[in-house]
């Protein structure tokens, strides 16, 4: 019906003190061992704390939108606009 894997087992009977009995080990060992002794220091940040330039145009559009909706008065709009243009 299908192709099944086949295994052949071979056994050898030897005495306890025979060097052939000690040749095989059942303890798993790594094929490759990599040892690294160099120390590495990493500074990680959860937030992007780099200084990003403000998008002045987008800020002015937001302020104008708030003024048109009546949330900011004309005087408040002018004050906030000056702050954005100065960079505060």
C-alpha atoms as a PDB file:
ATOM      1  CA  UNK A   1       0.000   0.000   0.000  1.00  0.00           C
ATOM      2  CA  UNK A   2       2.565   2.528   1.018  1.00  0.00           C
ATOM      3  CA  UNK A   3       6.269   2.769   1.442  1.00  0.00           C
ATOM      4  CA  UNK A   4       7.212   2.403   5.066  1.00  0.00           C
ATOM      5  CA  UNK A   5      10.628   3.113   6.497  1.00  0.00           C
ATOM      6  CA  UNK A   6      12.764   0.098   7.253  1.00  0.00           C
ATOM      7  CA  UNK A   7      15.284  -0.239  10.039  1.00  0.00           C
ATOM      8  CA  UNK A   8      17.996  -2.815  10.516  1.00  0.00           C
ATOM      9  CA  UNK A   9      19.256  -3.338  14.027  1.00  0.00           C
ATOM     10  CA  UNK A  10      22.582  -5.018  14.627  1.00  0.00           C
ATOM     11  CA  UNK A  11      23.614  -6.233  18.043  1.00  0.00           C
ATOM     12  CA  UNK A  12      26.952  -7.351  19.282  1.00  0.00           C
ATOM     13  CA  UNK A  13      27.555  -9.352  22.414  1.00  0.00           C
ATOM     14  CA  UNK A  14      30.817  -8.509  24.143  1.00  0.00           C
ATOM     15  CA  UNK A  15      32.173  -8.902  27.646  1.00  0.00           C
ATOM     16  CA  UNK A  16      31.908  -6.099  30.167  1.00  0.00           C
ATOM     17  CA  UNK A  17      35.656  -5.303  30.166  1.00  0.00           C
ATOM     18  CA  UNK A  18      36.081  -5.567  26.425  1.00  0.00           C
ATOM     19  CA  UNK A  19      37.392  -2.300  24.841  1.00  0.00           C
ATOM     20  CA  UNK A  20      34.672  -2.642  22.183  1.00  0.00           C
ATOM     21  CA  UNK A  21      32.008  -2.245  24.896  1.00  0.00           C
ATOM     22  CA  UNK A  22      33.479   1.100  25.960  1.00  0.00           C
ATOM     23  CA  UNK A  23      33.768   2.383  22.404  1.00  0.00           C
ATOM     24  CA  UNK A  24      30.075   3.279  22.159  1.00  0.00           C
ATOM     25  CA  UNK A  25      28.530   5.937  24.361  1.00  0.00           C
ATOM     26  CA  UNK A  26      24.853   6.661  24.867  1.00  0.00           C
ATOM     27  CA  UNK A  27      25.504  10.118  26.292  1.00  0.00           C
ATOM     28  CA  UNK A  28      24.507  12.776  23.727  1.00  0.00           C
ATOM     29  CA  UNK A  29      27.330  15.088  22.783  1.00  0.00           C
ATOM     30  CA  UNK A  30      27.307  18.257  20.719  1.00  0.00           C
ATOM     31  CA  UNK A  31      28.868  18.043  17.269  1.00  0.00           C
ATOM     32  CA  UNK A  32      30.092  21.647  17.475  1.00  0.00           C
ATOM     33  CA  UNK A  33      30.877  23.724  20.561  1.00  0.00           C
ATOM     34  CA  UNK A  34      31.051  27.496  20.180  1.00  0.00           C
ATOM     35  CA  UNK A  35      32.537  29.471  23.017  1.00  0.00           C
ATOM     36  CA  UNK A  36      32.253  33.235  23.029  1.00  0.00           C
ATOM     37  CA  UNK A  37      34.032  35.208  25.715  1.00  0.00           C
ATOM     38  CA  UNK A  38      33.439  38.692  24.311  1.00  0.00           C
ATOM     39  CA  UNK A  39      31.210  40.995  26.360  1.00  0.00           C
ATOM     40  CA  UNK A  40      28.582  43.011  24.514  1.00  0.00           C
ATOM     41  CA  UNK A  41      26.649  45.947  25.926  1.00  0.00           C
ATOM     42  CA  UNK A  42      23.433  47.083  24.308  1.00  0.00           C
ATOM     43  CA  UNK A  43      21.393  50.191  24.977  1.00  0.00           C
ATOM     44  CA  UNK A  44      17.760  49.549  24.207  1.00  0.00           C
ATOM     45  CA  UNK A  45      14.892  52.014  24.225  1.00  0.00           C
ATOM     46  CA  UNK A  46      11.203  51.286  24.178  1.00  0.00           C
ATOM     47  CA  UNK A  47      10.259  54.633  22.671  1.00  0.00           C
ATOM     48  CA  UNK A  48      11.776  56.528  19.821  1.00  0.00           C
ATOM     49  CA  UNK A  49      13.423  59.306  21.801  1.00  0.00           C
ATOM     50  CA  UNK A  50      15.309  60.830  18.912  1.00  0.00           C
ATOM     51  CA  UNK A  51      14.559  64.441  18.171  1.00  0.00           C
ATOM     52  CA  UNK A  52      12.103  64.632  15.299  1.00  0.00           C
ATOM     53  CA  UNK A  53      11.442  67.920  13.590  1.00  0.00           C
ATOM     54  CA  UNK A  54       7.869  69.106  14.045  1.00  0.00           C
ATOM     55  CA  UNK A  55       5.653  69.251  11.018  1.00  0.00           C
ATOM     56  CA  UNK A  56       4.772  72.945  11.164  1.00  0.00           C
ATOM     57  CA  UNK A  57       2.297  72.713   8.301  1.00  0.00           C
ATOM     58  CA  UNK A  58       0.345  69.872   9.960  1.00  0.00           C
ATOM     59  CA  UNK A  59       0.261  71.764  13.270  1.00  0.00           C
ATOM     60  CA  UNK A  60      -1.074  74.890  11.585  1.00  0.00           C
ATOM     61  CA  UNK A  61      -3.757  72.869   9.774  1.00  0.00           C
ATOM     62  CA  UNK A  62      -4.871  71.361  13.103  1.00  0.00           C
ATOM     63  CA  UNK A  63      -5.047  74.770  14.744  1.00  0.00           C
ATOM     64  CA  UNK A  64      -7.024  76.190  11.822  1.00  0.00           C
ATOM     65  CA  UNK A  65      -9.430  73.263  12.003  1.00  0.00           C
ATOM     66  CA  UNK A  66      -9.962  73.870  15.740  1.00  0.00           C
ATOM     67  CA  UNK A  67     -10.579  77.565  15.031  1.00  0.00           C
ATOM     68  CA  UNK A  68     -13.116  76.769  12.293  1.00  0.00           C
ATOM     69  CA  UNK A  69     -14.978  74.393  14.620  1.00  0.00           C
ATOM     70  CA  UNK A  70     -15.191  77.106  17.271  1.00  0.00           C
ATOM     71  CA  UNK A  71     -13.001  75.278  19.779  1.00  0.00           C
ATOM     72  CA  UNK A  72     -10.345  78.006  19.634  1.00  0.00           C
ATOM     73  CA  UNK A  73     -11.087  81.708  19.545  1.00  0.00           C
ATOM     74  CA  UNK A  74      -9.299  83.965  17.064  1.00  0.00           C
ATOM     75  CA  UNK A  75      -6.950  85.238  19.794  1.00  0.00           C
ATOM     76  CA  UNK A  76      -6.145  81.695  20.980  1.00  0.00           C
ATOM     77  CA  UNK A  77      -5.496  80.638  17.387  1.00  0.00           C
ATOM     78  CA  UNK A  78      -3.056  83.518  16.837  1.00  0.00           C
ATOM     79  CA  UNK A  79      -1.235  82.750  20.123  1.00  0.00           C
ATOM     80  CA  UNK A  80      -0.879  79.048  19.299  1.00  0.00           C
ATOM     81  CA  UNK A  81       0.150  79.839  15.724  1.00  0.00           C
ATOM     82  CA  UNK A  82       2.976  82.085  16.969  1.00  0.00           C
ATOM     83  CA  UNK A  83       4.186  79.305  19.295  1.00  0.00           C
ATOM     84  CA  UNK A  84       4.248  76.789  16.452  1.00  0.00           C
ATOM     85  CA  UNK A  85       6.091  79.183  14.135  1.00  0.00           C
ATOM     86  CA  UNK A  86       8.667  80.070  16.810  1.00  0.00           C
ATOM     87  CA  UNK A  87       9.183  76.410  17.643  1.00  0.00           C
ATOM     88  CA  UNK A  88       7.997  76.243  21.282  1.00  0.00           C
END
